[in-house]
Amino acid sequence: MKSDNLKQLRLSYLKIAQELPFPDSSDENWKYTKLDNYLDIKGAILQGSEASDTTKGLEVYGSGVNYRVYSMEEAAEKGFLKALPAEGEVLRYSPDALVRALFTRGVYVKVDGIDNSVGREDESKGVLHITLNNMRKDEAEEYLFYWIIVEIEAGSELVLIVETKNTHKYFGEIDIFAGEKSKLHYVSIDDTESGGFHRKRRVITAAEDAVINTHTAAMGGGDFREELEFIANAPGVKAELNKAYIGEGNSNKDFVTLQLHKDREVYSNLLILGALGDTSSGNFTGTIYIERDAQKADAYQLSRTLLFSEEAHAKTAPRLEILADDVKCTHGASLGGIDKEDLFYLMSRGISESDAKVMAAQGFFGKFIDSVPDTEAGQIIRDRFHKSLARICR
């Protein structure tokens, strides 16, 4: 279905992409990213942006939850895309808008907190899966762009699992809107193979008294950049933002986060755990921004990284920007290897050094994996982390 509304939307984003700044290494948010992955993106406009079916290659399925999946063409015709946040809040760099202009894969999902079958309000609680596993790209295309939007209505509770596995160059935008008193448990599993690159940007906008819990797991020998913007637009929002990653080969894992408190009594806590081997690198740039009216803010961020190679390296750059005067904000970071006493204890039980390192690293990630809300997703992360750790600890 051809949509004139979607075409006009694409053109408007294309115009914005030409006006916004392009990523530059002098920018704190980009100084640790391999910009080579972006250098040719300016030529991606030549690919065009027409797609006969934006849902092709995307799988969306759920259980125990009321939801409706729209193609982006349908969403544009129904006016859903016009209800997105102000462009200044979510579009800061040229690639942010370019993905929205050139995407060839995309869905708009509405999770409904009202059980119409019984004619009364009821909490919508269940699991929704969205998978993008090695979507086949056209041979003429250098990049694959996708845009996913999930709207969670007031009072709903949802476990959202987004899984990707790719060998190509993926550029994705995921916008999540959590309504009043909704509960979101978000699990992201990203496996980028050697030679591939995945730039994934998520914007989570939370309404009053929403509860957000996220788990991001990244692995593989390819480069991966994840940008998370958590925006608390109303009071009473609570968010636990958890990330874990493993770097192997010569891969670069790059994480940029923003915890934006715009109203009072908002709590956000970010934890990022990393394990690096071979010649890989891991970078974290995190900003806590407390606006003037966001009194009684409670915000934290902590980064912990294990190094399994003398050639692996990590960088951490936490930032606090606080305009309110009644707040609690802290940050911390640690970097090092496996505790020698732990290794000695395991090896004294007849376990080889490499297996002991794997076991110790599994313990390092254990709490993160055990807290994943869906057992199937948790097992996938556990299995893939074990294989990655076995490679970097060999």
Protein backbone atom coordinates (compact mmCIF):
# COMPACT_ATOMS: atom_id res chain seq x y z
CA MET A 1 0.00 0.00 0.00
CA LYS A 2 1.42 3.33 -1.09
CA SER A 3 0.90 6.10 1.44
CA ASP A 4 1.12 9.77 0.50
CA ASN A 5 1.25 10.60 4.21
CA LEU A 6 4.26 8.36 4.70
CA LYS A 7 5.96 9.81 1.64
CA GLN A 8 5.54 13.32 2.99
CA LEU A 9 6.82 12.18 6.38
CA ARG A 10 9.92 10.67 4.75
CA LEU A 11 10.60 13.89 2.86
CA SER A 12 10.27 15.98 6.02
CA TYR A 13 12.77 13.76 7.85
CA LEU A 14 15.10 13.85 4.87
CA LYS A 15 15.07 17.65 5.03
CA ILE A 16 15.81 17.51 8.77
CA ALA A 17 18.68 15.06 8.15
CA GLN A 18 20.29 17.59 5.82
CA GLU A 19 20.00 20.33 8.47
CA LEU A 20 21.23 18.41 11.54
CA PRO A 21 24.93 17.99 12.35
CA PHE A 22 26.75 14.87 11.25
CA PRO A 23 28.56 12.81 13.95
CA ASP A 24 31.99 14.20 14.73
CA SER A 25 34.76 12.81 16.95
CA SER A 26 35.01 16.15 18.75
CA ASP A 27 31.52 15.52 20.18
CA GLU A 28 31.61 13.77 23.58
CA ASN A 29 28.83 11.42 22.46
CA TRP A 30 30.83 10.24 19.45
CA LYS A 31 34.51 10.46 20.39
CA TYR A 32 34.85 6.69 21.04
CA THR A 33 32.82 5.46 18.06
CA LYS A 34 34.43 4.10 14.90
CA LEU A 35 33.08 6.76 12.60
CA ASP A 36 34.24 4.78 9.56
CA ASN A 37 30.94 2.94 9.91
CA TYR A 38 29.16 6.23 9.31
CA LEU A 39 31.33 7.90 6.68
CA ASP A 40 29.41 6.50 3.71
CA ILE A 41 25.98 6.97 5.22
CA LYS A 42 25.64 10.30 3.44
CA GLY A 43 25.54 8.34 0.19
CA ALA A 44 22.76 6.11 1.52
CA ILE A 45 20.22 8.62 0.25
CA LEU A 46 20.89 7.21 -3.22
CA GLN A 47 19.36 3.91 -2.13
CA GLY A 48 15.91 5.44 -2.11
CA SER A 49 13.30 4.83 0.55
CA GLU A 50 10.43 3.06 -1.17
CA ALA A 51 9.32 -0.27 0.28
CA SER A 52 6.23 -2.20 -0.79
CA ASP A 53 5.95 -3.87 2.63
CA THR A 54 7.84 -2.40 5.60
CA THR A 55 6.97 -5.41 7.77
CA LYS A 56 8.92 -7.80 5.50
CA GLY A 57 11.67 -9.55 7.43
CA LEU A 58 10.22 -8.49 10.79
CA GLU A 59 8.46 -11.01 12.99
CA VAL A 60 6.03 -9.81 15.66
CA TYR A 61 4.24 -12.29 17.89
CA GLY A 62 2.87 -12.23 21.40
CA SER A 63 1.09 -14.21 24.08
CA GLY A 64 -1.17 -13.10 26.90
CA VAL A 65 -1.28 -9.54 25.66
CA ASN A 66 -3.75 -7.42 23.67
CA TYR A 67 -1.89 -5.75 20.82
CA ARG A 68 -2.31 -4.59 17.25
CA VAL A 69 0.47 -4.46 14.64
CA TYR A 70 0.34 -1.79 11.92
CA SER A 71 2.63 -1.41 8.96
CA MET A 72 4.21 2.02 8.87
CA GLU A 73 2.03 2.84 5.88
CA GLU A 74 -1.10 2.12 7.94
CA ALA A 75 0.29 4.04 10.91
CA ALA A 76 0.91 7.08 8.72
CA GLU A 77 -2.59 6.94 7.22
CA LYS A 78 -4.15 6.72 10.70
CA GLY A 79 -2.11 9.68 11.92
CA PHE A 80 -0.19 7.77 14.59
CA LEU A 81 3.17 9.02 13.39
CA LYS A 82 2.12 12.63 13.84
CA ALA A 83 1.83 12.04 17.59
CA LEU A 84 5.56 11.50 18.06
CA PRO A 85 7.47 13.74 20.52
CA ALA A 86 8.82 17.08 19.43
CA GLU A 87 11.65 16.66 16.96
CA GLY A 88 14.07 18.61 19.13
CA GLU A 89 13.75 16.02 21.89
CA VAL A 90 14.58 12.93 19.84
CA LEU A 91 16.44 14.14 16.76
CA ARG A 92 19.90 15.53 17.43
CA TYR A 93 22.11 14.16 14.65
CA SER A 94 21.72 13.55 10.95
CA PRO A 95 21.51 9.70 11.24
CA ASP A 96 18.58 10.04 13.68
CA ALA A 97 16.42 11.59 10.99
CA LEU A 98 17.97 9.69 8.09
CA VAL A 99 16.81 6.35 9.48
CA ARG A 100 13.26 7.69 9.68
CA ALA A 101 13.48 8.93 6.11
CA LEU A 102 15.01 5.84 4.50
CA PHE A 103 13.73 2.91 6.56
CA THR A 104 12.62 -0.12 4.55
CA ARG A 105 11.59 -2.21 7.56
CA GLY A 106 9.29 -0.99 10.28
CA VAL A 107 6.20 -1.59 12.41
CA TYR A 108 3.96 0.36 14.75
CA VAL A 109 2.63 -1.73 17.64
CA LYS A 110 -0.14 -0.64 20.00
CA VAL A 111 -0.46 -2.51 23.28
CA ASP A 112 -4.00 -2.01 24.60
CA GLY A 113 -4.67 -1.99 28.35
CA ILE A 114 -8.43 -2.30 27.88
CA ASP A 115 -10.07 -5.72 27.56
CA ASN A 116 -12.90 -4.92 25.14
CA SER A 117 -14.22 -8.47 25.24
CA VAL A 118 -15.56 -7.96 28.76
CA GLY A 119 -16.33 -4.28 28.36
CA ARG A 120 -14.17 -3.01 31.21
CA GLU A 121 -10.67 -1.81 31.87
CA ASP A 122 -8.15 -4.53 32.64
CA GLU A 123 -4.39 -4.70 32.77
CA SER A 124 -2.85 -6.06 29.62
CA LYS A 125 -0.03 -8.33 30.73
CA GLY A 126 2.00 -10.64 28.54
CA VAL A 127 5.02 -11.07 26.30
CA LEU A 128 5.60 -9.48 22.89
CA HIS A 129 8.51 -10.58 20.65
CA ILE A 130 9.96 -8.60 17.75
CA THR A 131 12.77 -10.30 15.83
CA LEU A 132 15.05 -9.01 13.07
CA ASN A 133 17.33 -12.00 12.62
CA ASN A 134 19.62 -11.48 9.63
CA MET A 135 17.05 -9.78 7.43
CA ARG A 136 18.12 -10.14 3.83
CA LYS A 137 19.14 -6.84 2.34
CA ASP A 138 18.87 -5.96 -1.31
CA GLU A 139 22.16 -6.49 -3.12
CA ALA A 140 22.12 -2.85 -4.24
CA GLU A 141 21.85 -1.60 -0.68
CA GLU A 142 24.83 -0.92 1.53
CA TYR A 143 22.72 -0.37 4.64
CA LEU A 144 19.51 -1.67 6.13
CA PHE A 145 17.36 0.86 7.99
CA TYR A 146 14.55 -0.08 10.37
CA TRP A 147 12.15 1.89 12.58
CA ILE A 148 10.05 0.27 15.31
CA ILE A 149 7.47 2.10 17.42
CA VAL A 150 5.72 0.57 20.43
CA GLU A 151 2.94 2.41 22.26
CA ILE A 152 1.94 0.97 25.64
CA GLU A 153 -1.36 2.36 26.82
CA ALA A 154 -2.12 3.44 30.38
CA GLY A 155 -2.32 0.65 32.93
CA SER A 156 -0.78 -1.99 30.66
CA GLU A 157 2.04 -4.32 31.66
CA LEU A 158 4.30 -5.73 28.96
CA VAL A 159 7.41 -7.83 28.55
CA LEU A 160 8.87 -6.63 25.24
CA ILE A 161 11.68 -8.68 23.69
CA VAL A 162 13.53 -7.32 20.64
CA GLU A 163 16.11 -9.67 19.15
CA THR A 164 18.54 -8.96 16.30
CA LYS A 165 21.23 -11.04 14.64
CA ASN A 166 23.06 -9.51 11.71
CA THR A 167 26.09 -9.67 9.47
CA HIS A 168 25.25 -6.47 7.55
CA LYS A 169 25.18 -2.78 8.45
CA TYR A 170 22.03 -2.09 10.43
CA PHE A 171 20.80 1.34 11.47
CA GLY A 172 17.76 1.24 13.73
CA GLU A 173 15.44 3.53 15.65
CA ILE A 174 13.15 2.16 18.36
CA ASP A 175 10.65 4.53 19.97
CA ILE A 176 8.74 3.29 23.02
CA PHE A 177 5.95 5.25 24.70
CA ALA A 178 4.91 4.04 28.16
CA GLY A 179 1.54 5.39 29.29
CA GLU A 180 0.47 6.40 32.79
CA LYS A 181 0.95 3.66 35.41
CA SER A 182 2.15 1.25 32.75
CA LYS A 183 4.89 -1.29 33.41
CA LEU A 184 7.47 -2.10 30.77
CA HIS A 185 10.00 -4.92 31.00
CA TYR A 186 12.21 -4.48 27.94
CA VAL A 187 14.76 -7.10 26.84
CA SER A 188 17.13 -6.40 23.94
CA ILE A 189 19.33 -9.19 22.54
CA ASP A 190 21.80 -8.04 19.89
CA ASP A 191 24.28 -10.39 18.21
CA THR A 192 26.43 -8.67 15.57
CA GLU A 193 28.82 -10.97 13.73
CA SER A 194 32.31 -10.07 12.56
CA GLY A 195 32.18 -7.70 9.61
CA GLY A 196 28.77 -6.39 10.59
CA PHE A 197 27.80 -3.14 12.28
CA HIS A 198 24.68 -2.26 14.21
CA ARG A 199 23.76 1.21 15.35
CA LYS A 200 20.66 0.95 17.53
CA ARG A 201 19.01 3.97 19.07
CA ARG A 202 16.17 3.70 21.57
CA VAL A 203 14.06 6.52 22.96
CA ILE A 204 11.85 5.51 25.90
CA THR A 205 9.34 8.19 26.89
CA ALA A 206 7.54 7.58 30.18
CA ALA A 207 4.31 9.14 31.46
CA GLU A 208 3.29 9.63 35.08
CA ASP A 209 3.99 6.75 37.49
CA ALA A 210 5.25 4.49 34.71
CA VAL A 211 7.71 1.74 35.73
CA ILE A 212 10.51 0.91 33.29
CA ASN A 213 12.87 -2.04 33.54
CA THR A 214 15.32 -2.75 30.71
CA HIS A 215 17.93 -5.43 29.98
CA THR A 216 20.24 -4.98 27.00
CA ALA A 217 22.62 -7.80 26.05
CA ALA A 218 25.15 -7.28 23.23
CA MET A 219 27.65 -9.80 21.92
CA GLY A 220 29.47 -10.91 18.77
CA GLY A 221 32.61 -9.98 16.87
CA GLY A 222 31.05 -7.04 15.00
CA ASP A 223 30.84 -3.37 15.98
CA PHE A 224 27.81 -2.27 17.96
CA ARG A 225 26.68 1.19 19.07
CA GLU A 226 23.64 1.57 21.28
CA GLU A 227 22.13 4.89 22.23
CA LEU A 228 19.50 4.95 24.98
CA GLU A 229 17.51 8.04 25.82
CA PHE A 230 15.23 7.66 28.80
CA ILE A 231 12.86 10.62 29.05
CA ALA A 232 10.68 11.01 32.16
CA ASN A 233 8.07 13.56 31.13
CA ALA A 234 5.96 13.33 34.28
CA PRO A 235 6.33 12.75 38.04
CA GLY A 236 6.62 9.40 39.78
CA VAL A 237 8.47 7.53 37.03
CA LYS A 238 10.80 4.71 38.10
CA ALA A 239 13.41 3.14 35.83
CA GLU A 240 16.02 0.38 36.18
CA LEU A 241 18.26 0.41 33.10
CA ASN A 242 20.58 -2.61 32.84
CA LYS A 243 23.15 -3.42 30.15
CA ALA A 244 25.68 -6.22 29.67
CA TYR A 245 28.04 -6.82 26.77
CA ILE A 246 30.96 -8.97 25.64
CA GLY A 247 33.60 -7.77 23.18
CA GLU A 248 35.63 -10.27 21.18
CA GLY A 249 37.93 -10.08 18.19
CA ASN A 250 38.57 -6.50 17.14
CA SER A 251 35.02 -5.38 17.83
CA ASN A 252 34.01 -2.06 19.33
CA LYS A 253 31.04 -1.90 21.69
CA ASP A 254 29.90 1.68 22.24
CA PHE A 255 27.13 2.77 24.63
CA VAL A 256 25.74 6.28 24.99
CA THR A 257 22.95 6.97 27.46
CA LEU A 258 20.82 9.89 28.63
CA GLN A 259 18.71 9.80 31.79
CA LEU A 260 16.53 12.88 31.35
CA HIS A 261 14.41 13.89 34.36
CA LYS A 262 11.89 16.54 33.36
CA ASP A 263 9.54 16.36 36.34
CA ARG A 264 9.67 15.77 40.08
CA GLU A 265 10.19 12.55 42.06
CA VAL A 266 11.69 10.52 39.24
CA TYR A 267 14.04 7.61 39.97
CA SER A 268 16.47 6.13 37.43
CA ASN A 269 19.33 3.70 37.98
CA LEU A 270 21.68 2.58 35.20
CA LEU A 271 24.09 -0.37 35.45
CA ILE A 272 26.41 -1.44 32.62
CA LEU A 273 28.57 -4.58 32.81
CA GLY A 274 31.21 -5.45 30.21
CA ALA A 275 33.77 -8.16 29.49
CA LEU A 276 36.46 -7.52 26.86
CA GLY A 277 38.90 -9.91 25.25
CA ASP A 278 41.31 -10.07 22.29
CA THR A 279 41.78 -6.54 20.87
CA SER A 280 38.20 -5.42 21.48
CA SER A 281 37.14 -2.14 23.04
CA GLY A 282 34.19 -1.05 25.12
CA ASN A 283 33.09 2.52 25.73
CA PHE A 284 30.41 4.10 27.86
CA THR A 285 29.33 7.73 27.79
CA GLY A 286 26.47 8.40 30.18
CA THR A 287 24.65 11.63 31.03
CA ILE A 288 22.23 12.28 33.86
CA TYR A 289 20.32 15.49 33.14
CA ILE A 290 18.04 16.91 35.82
CA GLU A 291 15.90 19.84 34.69
CA ARG A 292 15.08 22.74 37.02
CA ASP A 293 11.55 21.51 37.84
CA ALA A 294 12.68 17.92 38.46
CA GLN A 295 13.03 18.26 42.23
CA LYS A 296 13.57 15.21 44.46
CA ALA A 297 15.31 13.41 41.61
CA ASP A 298 17.09 10.16 42.44
CA ALA A 299 19.53 9.05 39.73
CA TYR A 300 22.54 6.74 39.56
CA GLN A 301 24.84 5.15 37.03
CA LEU A 302 27.53 2.51 37.49
CA SER A 303 29.92 0.98 34.96
CA ARG A 304 31.94 -2.20 35.67
CA THR A 305 34.28 -3.79 33.12
CA LEU A 306 36.39 -6.96 33.12
CA LEU A 307 39.48 -7.19 30.89
CA PHE A 308 40.67 -10.59 29.65
CA SER A 309 43.46 -9.32 27.41
CA GLU A 310 46.24 -6.76 27.74
CA GLU A 311 45.27 -5.46 24.29
CA ALA A 312 41.61 -4.91 25.17
CA HIS A 313 40.66 -1.50 26.49
CA ALA A 314 37.71 0.39 27.90
CA LYS A 315 36.74 4.01 28.46
CA THR A 316 34.07 5.47 30.69
CA ALA A 317 32.81 9.06 30.64
CA PRO A 318 29.99 9.76 33.13
CA ARG A 319 28.42 13.23 33.23
CA LEU A 320 26.02 14.94 35.61
CA GLU A 321 24.10 18.05 34.53
CA ILE A 322 21.87 19.17 37.38
CA LEU A 323 19.69 22.28 37.40
CA ALA A 324 17.48 21.34 40.38
CA ASP A 325 18.68 21.75 43.98
CA ASP A 326 16.91 18.87 45.78
CA VAL A 327 18.43 15.78 44.20
CA LYS A 328 20.42 12.60 44.84
CA CYS A 329 22.77 11.76 41.97
CA THR A 330 25.90 9.60 41.91
CA HIS A 331 28.06 7.73 39.43
CA GLY A 332 30.87 5.22 39.62
CA ALA A 333 33.13 3.02 37.50
CA SER A 334 35.49 0.08 37.97
CA LEU A 335 37.92 -1.59 35.58
CA GLY A 336 40.07 -4.68 36.08
CA GLY A 337 40.46 -8.41 35.74
CA ILE A 338 39.04 -11.48 37.47
CA ASP A 339 39.87 -11.62 41.15
CA LYS A 340 42.99 -13.79 41.58
CA GLU A 341 41.66 -15.37 44.76
CA ASP A 342 38.52 -16.50 42.94
CA LEU A 343 40.65 -18.04 40.18
CA PHE A 344 42.92 -19.74 42.70
CA TYR A 345 39.94 -21.22 44.53
CA LEU A 346 38.40 -22.65 41.35
CA MET A 347 41.71 -23.96 40.00
CA SER A 348 42.45 -25.65 43.34
CA ARG A 349 39.32 -27.72 42.64
CA GLY A 350 40.86 -29.10 39.47
CA ILE A 351 39.30 -26.59 37.07
CA SER A 352 41.50 -25.32 34.23
CA GLU A 353 42.46 -21.66 34.18
CA SER A 354 40.38 -20.88 31.09
CA ASP A 355 37.30 -22.67 32.49
CA ALA A 356 37.82 -20.91 35.82
CA LYS A 357 37.83 -17.53 34.06
CA VAL A 358 34.60 -18.43 32.25
CA MET A 359 32.93 -19.48 35.49
CA ALA A 360 34.04 -16.31 37.27
CA ALA A 361 32.80 -14.15 34.39
CA GLN A 362 29.47 -15.98 34.39
CA GLY A 363 29.17 -15.08 38.05
CA PHE A 364 29.93 -11.46 37.14
CA PHE A 365 26.94 -11.44 34.76
CA GLY A 366 24.81 -13.79 36.87
CA LYS A 367 22.59 -11.25 38.62
CA PHE A 368 21.93 -9.46 35.31
CA ILE A 369 20.86 -12.67 33.56
CA ASP A 370 18.83 -13.98 36.49
CA SER A 371 16.81 -10.76 36.59
CA VAL A 372 15.71 -10.99 32.92
CA PRO A 373 11.90 -11.25 33.21
CA ASP A 374 11.38 -13.90 30.51
CA THR A 375 13.02 -17.28 31.07
CA GLU A 376 13.40 -18.01 27.34
CA ALA A 377 15.16 -14.71 26.72
CA GLY A 378 17.32 -15.22 29.79
CA GLN A 379 18.42 -18.64 28.55
CA ILE A 380 19.29 -17.24 25.11
CA ILE A 381 21.50 -14.60 26.75
CA ARG A 382 23.06 -17.16 29.09
CA ASP A 383 23.93 -19.53 26.20
CA ARG A 384 25.36 -16.83 23.93
CA PHE A 385 27.35 -15.21 26.73
CA HIS A 386 28.82 -18.60 27.66
CA LYS A 387 30.00 -19.19 24.08
CA SER A 388 31.48 -15.69 23.82
CA LEU A 389 33.23 -15.97 27.18
CA ALA A 390 34.67 -19.36 26.22
CA ARG A 391 36.24 -17.74 23.15
CA ILE A 392 37.81 -14.76 24.92
CA CYS A 393 39.03 -16.86 27.87
CA ARG A 394 40.68 -19.59 25.77
